[in-house]
Amino acid sequence: MARRRISAAEGSAAARSWAQAQEAGAATDRRTLATAVRYLLEELAERAPGSSVEVRVPPFGVAQCVEGPSHTRGTPPNVVEMSPQTWMELATGLSTWQEAYAAGGISASGTRADLSGLVPLI
């Protein structure tokens, strides 16, 4: 089970606020975006426990997920990295993995780095 730092109520509220801002074409404040990103990374780690894939969303967070061989030192063999905007779009279903990857919004390396079966989360 993933260690939660953000409560479900706080994380859900931040994600909803981000989604509403997207619908209105408005910007989300940095704190709300950071909370939403971190909460949804925690949700990913909860739903796909493990440590074979590292998902990076700089500058806000990182999550270890997906069962399989784990790494102990250096850069893990399966790394996924994307912007906070791309992560939020994937996690909330505004974009698909295939769309974001084709558009160059996702950097993914390793045989387990395809998260298309794990998103959207909400």
N, C-alpha and C. Protein backbone atom coordinates (compact mmCIF):
# COMPACT_ATOMS: atom_id res chain seq x y z
N MET A 1 0.84 -1.18 0.00
CA MET A 1 0.00 0.00 0.00
C MET A 1 0.88 1.25 0.00
N ALA A 2 0.55 2.19 -0.83
CA ALA A 2 1.31 3.43 -0.95
C ALA A 2 1.12 4.29 0.29
N ARG A 3 2.15 5.01 0.63
CA ARG A 3 2.07 5.92 1.77
C ARG A 3 1.42 7.22 1.30
N ARG A 4 0.32 7.56 1.90
CA ARG A 4 -0.43 8.77 1.53
C ARG A 4 0.06 9.96 2.34
N ARG A 5 0.26 11.06 1.66
CA ARG A 5 0.62 12.31 2.31
C ARG A 5 -0.50 13.33 2.15
N ILE A 6 -1.33 13.11 1.14
CA ILE A 6 -2.42 14.03 0.84
C ILE A 6 -3.74 13.30 1.07
N SER A 7 -4.62 13.90 1.84
CA SER A 7 -5.90 13.25 2.12
C SER A 7 -6.73 13.17 0.84
N ALA A 8 -7.61 12.19 0.81
CA ALA A 8 -8.49 12.03 -0.35
C ALA A 8 -9.34 13.28 -0.57
N ALA A 9 -9.81 13.88 0.49
CA ALA A 9 -10.65 15.08 0.36
C ALA A 9 -9.85 16.23 -0.23
N GLU A 10 -8.65 16.46 0.27
CA GLU A 10 -7.82 17.57 -0.23
C GLU A 10 -7.37 17.30 -1.67
N GLY A 11 -6.96 16.07 -1.96
CA GLY A 11 -6.51 15.73 -3.30
C GLY A 11 -7.62 15.79 -4.33
N SER A 12 -8.77 15.26 -3.98
CA SER A 12 -9.92 15.30 -4.89
C SER A 12 -10.35 16.73 -5.18
N ALA A 13 -10.35 17.56 -4.13
CA ALA A 13 -10.73 18.96 -4.31
C ALA A 13 -9.76 19.67 -5.24
N ALA A 14 -8.47 19.40 -5.09
CA ALA A 14 -7.46 20.02 -5.96
C ALA A 14 -7.63 19.56 -7.40
N ALA A 15 -7.88 18.26 -7.59
CA ALA A 15 -8.07 17.73 -8.94
C ALA A 15 -9.33 18.32 -9.58
N ARG A 16 -10.40 18.44 -8.81
CA ARG A 16 -11.63 19.06 -9.33
C ARG A 16 -11.40 20.51 -9.70
N SER A 17 -10.68 21.22 -8.86
CA SER A 17 -10.38 22.63 -9.12
C SER A 17 -9.58 22.77 -10.41
N TRP A 18 -8.60 21.89 -10.61
CA TRP A 18 -7.81 21.91 -11.84
C TRP A 18 -8.70 21.65 -13.05
N ALA A 19 -9.57 20.65 -12.96
CA ALA A 19 -10.45 20.29 -14.07
C ALA A 19 -11.41 21.44 -14.40
N GLN A 20 -11.95 22.08 -13.39
CA GLN A 20 -12.85 23.21 -13.62
C GLN A 20 -12.12 24.37 -14.28
N ALA A 21 -10.88 24.61 -13.88
CA ALA A 21 -10.09 25.67 -14.50
C ALA A 21 -9.82 25.34 -15.97
N GLN A 22 -9.56 24.06 -16.26
CA GLN A 22 -9.32 23.65 -17.64
C GLN A 22 -10.56 23.90 -18.50
N GLU A 23 -11.72 23.54 -17.97
CA GLU A 23 -12.98 23.76 -18.70
C GLU A 23 -13.22 25.24 -18.98
N ALA A 24 -12.82 26.08 -18.02
CA ALA A 24 -13.04 27.52 -18.15
C ALA A 24 -11.92 28.21 -18.92
N GLY A 25 -10.88 27.45 -19.26
CA GLY A 25 -9.75 28.04 -19.96
C GLY A 25 -8.90 28.93 -19.06
N ALA A 26 -8.96 28.67 -17.77
CA ALA A 26 -8.23 29.48 -16.80
C ALA A 26 -7.02 28.71 -16.26
N ALA A 27 -6.11 29.44 -15.67
CA ALA A 27 -4.93 28.84 -15.07
C ALA A 27 -5.26 28.38 -13.65
N THR A 28 -4.53 27.37 -13.20
CA THR A 28 -4.65 26.88 -11.83
C THR A 28 -3.44 27.37 -11.05
N ASP A 29 -3.66 27.79 -9.81
CA ASP A 29 -2.52 28.26 -9.02
C ASP A 29 -1.57 27.09 -8.75
N ARG A 30 -0.30 27.42 -8.56
CA ARG A 30 0.76 26.43 -8.43
C ARG A 30 0.50 25.45 -7.27
N ARG A 31 0.03 25.95 -6.15
CA ARG A 31 -0.20 25.08 -4.99
C ARG A 31 -1.29 24.04 -5.28
N THR A 32 -2.36 24.47 -5.91
CA THR A 32 -3.45 23.54 -6.25
C THR A 32 -2.96 22.51 -7.25
N LEU A 33 -2.21 22.95 -8.26
CA LEU A 33 -1.68 22.03 -9.25
C LEU A 33 -0.74 21.02 -8.59
N ALA A 34 0.15 21.48 -7.73
CA ALA A 34 1.08 20.59 -7.04
C ALA A 34 0.34 19.55 -6.21
N THR A 35 -0.68 19.99 -5.49
CA THR A 35 -1.47 19.07 -4.66
C THR A 35 -2.16 18.02 -5.53
N ALA A 36 -2.76 18.46 -6.62
CA ALA A 36 -3.46 17.53 -7.52
C ALA A 36 -2.50 16.52 -8.14
N VAL A 37 -1.35 17.00 -8.60
CA VAL A 37 -0.35 16.10 -9.21
C VAL A 37 0.10 15.06 -8.19
N ARG A 38 0.47 15.51 -7.01
CA ARG A 38 0.98 14.58 -5.98
C ARG A 38 -0.09 13.58 -5.54
N TYR A 39 -1.30 14.06 -5.39
CA TYR A 39 -2.40 13.17 -5.00
C TYR A 39 -2.61 12.08 -6.06
N LEU A 40 -2.61 12.47 -7.33
CA LEU A 40 -2.84 11.49 -8.38
C LEU A 40 -1.65 10.55 -8.57
N LEU A 41 -0.45 10.99 -8.25
CA LEU A 41 0.70 10.08 -8.23
C LEU A 41 0.54 9.06 -7.10
N GLU A 42 0.07 9.52 -5.96
CA GLU A 42 -0.20 8.60 -4.84
C GLU A 42 -1.28 7.60 -5.23
N GLU A 43 -2.29 8.07 -5.94
CA GLU A 43 -3.38 7.19 -6.39
C GLU A 43 -2.83 6.13 -7.35
N LEU A 44 -1.96 6.52 -8.25
CA LEU A 44 -1.34 5.57 -9.17
C LEU A 44 -0.57 4.50 -8.41
N ALA A 45 0.23 4.92 -7.44
CA ALA A 45 1.01 3.98 -6.64
C ALA A 45 0.11 3.05 -5.83
N GLU A 46 -1.03 3.54 -5.42
CA GLU A 46 -2.00 2.74 -4.67
C GLU A 46 -2.63 1.67 -5.57
N ARG A 47 -2.99 2.05 -6.77
CA ARG A 47 -3.66 1.14 -7.70
C ARG A 47 -2.73 0.16 -8.38
N ALA A 48 -1.47 0.55 -8.55
CA ALA A 48 -0.49 -0.32 -9.21
C ALA A 48 0.75 -0.41 -8.34
N PRO A 49 0.62 -1.09 -7.19
CA PRO A 49 1.75 -1.15 -6.26
C PRO A 49 2.95 -1.87 -6.87
N GLY A 50 4.11 -1.46 -6.46
CA GLY A 50 5.34 -2.07 -6.93
C GLY A 50 6.41 -1.01 -7.06
N SER A 51 7.54 -1.42 -7.60
CA SER A 51 8.63 -0.46 -7.74
C SER A 51 9.44 -0.70 -9.01
N SER A 52 8.80 -1.24 -10.03
CA SER A 52 9.54 -1.49 -11.27
C SER A 52 9.49 -0.32 -12.24
N VAL A 53 8.57 0.64 -12.01
CA VAL A 53 8.46 1.81 -12.88
C VAL A 53 8.50 3.06 -12.01
N GLU A 54 9.28 4.03 -12.47
CA GLU A 54 9.32 5.32 -11.78
C GLU A 54 8.62 6.34 -12.67
N VAL A 55 7.59 6.99 -12.14
CA VAL A 55 6.86 8.02 -12.87
C VAL A 55 7.26 9.36 -12.29
N ARG A 56 7.83 10.20 -13.15
CA ARG A 56 8.33 11.51 -12.72
C ARG A 56 7.49 12.62 -13.33
N VAL A 57 7.06 13.55 -12.48
CA VAL A 57 6.31 14.72 -12.92
C VAL A 57 6.98 15.94 -12.28
N PRO A 58 8.11 16.36 -12.88
CA PRO A 58 8.84 17.48 -12.28
C PRO A 58 8.09 18.79 -12.47
N PRO A 59 8.16 19.69 -11.52
CA PRO A 59 8.95 19.63 -10.29
C PRO A 59 8.17 19.12 -9.09
N PHE A 60 7.00 18.54 -9.31
CA PHE A 60 6.10 18.25 -8.20
C PHE A 60 6.22 16.89 -7.54
N GLY A 61 6.59 15.84 -8.27
CA GLY A 61 6.61 14.56 -7.61
C GLY A 61 7.08 13.41 -8.46
N VAL A 62 7.19 12.28 -7.78
CA VAL A 62 7.62 11.04 -8.39
C VAL A 62 6.92 9.89 -7.67
N ALA A 63 6.63 8.83 -8.39
CA ALA A 63 6.00 7.66 -7.77
C ALA A 63 6.65 6.40 -8.31
N GLN A 64 6.80 5.43 -7.44
CA GLN A 64 7.23 4.09 -7.82
C GLN A 64 5.97 3.25 -7.91
N CYS A 65 5.84 2.50 -9.00
CA CYS A 65 4.63 1.70 -9.17
C CYS A 65 4.91 0.49 -10.05
N VAL A 66 3.95 -0.34 -10.25
CA VAL A 66 3.92 -1.52 -11.11
C VAL A 66 4.80 -2.64 -10.55
N GLU A 67 4.18 -3.79 -10.37
CA GLU A 67 4.89 -4.96 -9.89
C GLU A 67 5.95 -5.40 -10.89
N GLY A 68 6.99 -6.02 -10.38
CA GLY A 68 8.06 -6.52 -11.22
C GLY A 68 9.39 -6.29 -10.55
N PRO A 69 10.45 -6.53 -11.30
CA PRO A 69 11.79 -6.35 -10.71
C PRO A 69 11.99 -4.92 -10.26
N SER A 70 12.54 -4.76 -9.08
CA SER A 70 12.78 -3.41 -8.57
C SER A 70 14.26 -3.07 -8.71
N HIS A 71 14.54 -1.79 -8.64
CA HIS A 71 15.92 -1.33 -8.72
C HIS A 71 16.33 -0.80 -7.36
N THR A 72 17.63 -0.78 -7.10
CA THR A 72 18.10 -0.31 -5.81
C THR A 72 19.06 0.87 -5.92
N ARG A 73 19.73 1.02 -7.07
CA ARG A 73 20.69 2.12 -7.21
C ARG A 73 20.62 2.70 -8.61
N GLY A 74 20.88 3.99 -8.69
CA GLY A 74 20.95 4.64 -9.99
C GLY A 74 19.59 4.83 -10.64
N THR A 75 19.61 5.09 -11.92
CA THR A 75 18.38 5.31 -12.67
C THR A 75 17.67 3.99 -12.90
N PRO A 76 16.39 3.91 -12.59
CA PRO A 76 15.66 2.66 -12.79
C PRO A 76 15.53 2.34 -14.29
N PRO A 77 15.36 1.07 -14.63
CA PRO A 77 15.27 0.69 -16.04
C PRO A 77 13.97 1.13 -16.72
N ASN A 78 12.93 1.38 -15.96
CA ASN A 78 11.63 1.79 -16.51
C ASN A 78 11.27 3.16 -15.94
N VAL A 79 11.38 4.18 -16.77
CA VAL A 79 11.13 5.55 -16.32
C VAL A 79 10.12 6.21 -17.25
N VAL A 80 9.16 6.88 -16.66
CA VAL A 80 8.18 7.68 -17.40
C VAL A 80 8.28 9.09 -16.85
N GLU A 81 8.41 10.06 -17.75
CA GLU A 81 8.49 11.45 -17.31
C GLU A 81 7.60 12.31 -18.19
N MET A 82 6.93 13.26 -17.55
CA MET A 82 6.04 14.17 -18.29
C MET A 82 5.81 15.43 -17.48
N SER A 83 5.25 16.43 -18.13
CA SER A 83 4.94 17.69 -17.46
C SER A 83 3.72 17.52 -16.55
N PRO A 84 3.54 18.44 -15.61
CA PRO A 84 2.34 18.39 -14.77
C PRO A 84 1.05 18.47 -15.60
N GLN A 85 1.04 19.30 -16.63
CA GLN A 85 -0.16 19.42 -17.48
C GLN A 85 -0.49 18.08 -18.14
N THR A 86 0.52 17.44 -18.71
CA THR A 86 0.29 16.14 -19.37
C THR A 86 -0.19 15.11 -18.37
N TRP A 87 0.44 15.07 -17.18
CA TRP A 87 0.03 14.11 -16.16
C TRP A 87 -1.43 14.32 -15.76
N MET A 88 -1.80 15.56 -15.54
CA MET A 88 -3.18 15.84 -15.14
C MET A 88 -4.16 15.45 -16.24
N GLU A 89 -3.82 15.73 -17.48
CA GLU A 89 -4.70 15.34 -18.59
C GLU A 89 -4.85 13.83 -18.67
N LEU A 90 -3.77 13.09 -18.47
CA LEU A 90 -3.85 11.62 -18.49
C LEU A 90 -4.64 11.10 -17.30
N ALA A 91 -4.32 11.58 -16.12
CA ALA A 91 -4.94 11.08 -14.90
C ALA A 91 -6.43 11.37 -14.82
N THR A 92 -6.87 12.45 -15.46
CA THR A 92 -8.29 12.81 -15.42
C THR A 92 -9.05 12.40 -16.67
N GLY A 93 -8.37 11.81 -17.63
CA GLY A 93 -9.04 11.33 -18.83
C GLY A 93 -9.23 12.36 -19.92
N LEU A 94 -8.61 13.53 -19.79
CA LEU A 94 -8.72 14.53 -20.85
C LEU A 94 -7.86 14.18 -22.06
N SER A 95 -6.92 13.29 -21.86
CA SER A 95 -6.05 12.82 -22.94
C SER A 95 -5.78 11.34 -22.72
N THR A 96 -5.48 10.63 -23.78
CA THR A 96 -5.10 9.23 -23.66
C THR A 96 -3.59 9.11 -23.69
N TRP A 97 -3.10 7.98 -23.24
CA TRP A 97 -1.67 7.70 -23.27
C TRP A 97 -1.15 7.82 -24.71
N GLN A 98 -1.87 7.21 -25.63
CA GLN A 98 -1.44 7.21 -27.03
C GLN A 98 -1.37 8.63 -27.59
N GLU A 99 -2.37 9.47 -27.29
CA GLU A 99 -2.37 10.85 -27.76
C GLU A 99 -1.19 11.64 -27.20
N ALA A 100 -0.99 11.53 -25.90
CA ALA A 100 0.08 12.28 -25.24
C ALA A 100 1.46 11.80 -25.71
N TYR A 101 1.60 10.50 -25.88
CA TYR A 101 2.88 9.95 -26.34
C TYR A 101 3.17 10.39 -27.77
N ALA A 102 2.17 10.30 -28.63
CA ALA A 102 2.34 10.70 -30.03
C ALA A 102 2.67 12.19 -30.15
N ALA A 103 2.14 13.00 -29.24
CA ALA A 103 2.39 14.44 -29.27
C ALA A 103 3.73 14.81 -28.65
N GLY A 104 4.46 13.83 -28.12
CA GLY A 104 5.75 14.09 -27.51
C GLY A 104 5.67 14.55 -26.07
N GLY A 105 4.52 14.39 -25.44
CA GLY A 105 4.35 14.84 -24.06
C GLY A 105 4.84 13.86 -23.02
N ILE A 106 5.22 12.66 -23.45
CA ILE A 106 5.66 11.62 -22.53
C ILE A 106 7.01 11.11 -22.98
N SER A 107 7.93 11.02 -22.05
CA SER A 107 9.21 10.35 -22.27
C SER A 107 9.13 9.04 -21.49
N ALA A 108 9.20 7.92 -22.19
CA ALA A 108 9.06 6.62 -21.54
C ALA A 108 10.14 5.67 -22.03
N SER A 109 10.83 5.04 -21.10
CA SER A 109 11.85 4.06 -21.46
C SER A 109 11.67 2.82 -20.61
N GLY A 110 11.93 1.68 -21.22
CA GLY A 110 11.81 0.41 -20.51
C GLY A 110 10.61 -0.38 -20.97
N THR A 111 10.66 -1.67 -20.73
CA THR A 111 9.61 -2.57 -21.21
C THR A 111 8.31 -2.45 -20.43
N ARG A 112 8.35 -1.89 -19.25
CA ARG A 112 7.14 -1.75 -18.42
C ARG A 112 6.63 -0.32 -18.37
N ALA A 113 7.17 0.56 -19.20
CA ALA A 113 6.89 1.99 -19.09
C ALA A 113 5.60 2.44 -19.76
N ASP A 114 4.82 1.56 -20.31
CA ASP A 114 3.54 1.93 -20.92
C ASP A 114 2.46 1.87 -19.84
N LEU A 115 1.95 3.03 -19.47
CA LEU A 115 0.94 3.12 -18.41
C LEU A 115 -0.47 3.25 -18.95
N SER A 116 -0.67 2.96 -20.22
CA SER A 116 -1.97 3.17 -20.84
C SER A 116 -3.09 2.39 -20.15
N GLY A 117 -2.79 1.26 -19.56
CA GLY A 117 -3.81 0.49 -18.86
C GLY A 117 -4.11 0.99 -17.45
N LEU A 118 -3.35 1.99 -16.99
CA LEU A 118 -3.51 2.48 -15.62
C LEU A 118 -4.15 3.85 -15.53
N VAL A 119 -4.23 4.55 -16.64
CA VAL A 119 -4.84 5.89 -16.65
C VAL A 119 -6.04 5.87 -17.57
N PRO A 120 -7.08 6.62 -17.32
CA PRO A 120 -7.20 7.66 -16.29
C PRO A 120 -7.45 7.06 -14.90
N LEU A 121 -7.18 7.87 -13.90
CA LEU A 121 -7.37 7.47 -12.51
C LEU A 121 -8.70 7.96 -11.95
N ILE A 122 -9.17 9.10 -12.46
CA ILE A 122 -10.46 9.63 -12.01
C ILE A 122 -11.25 10.09 -13.22
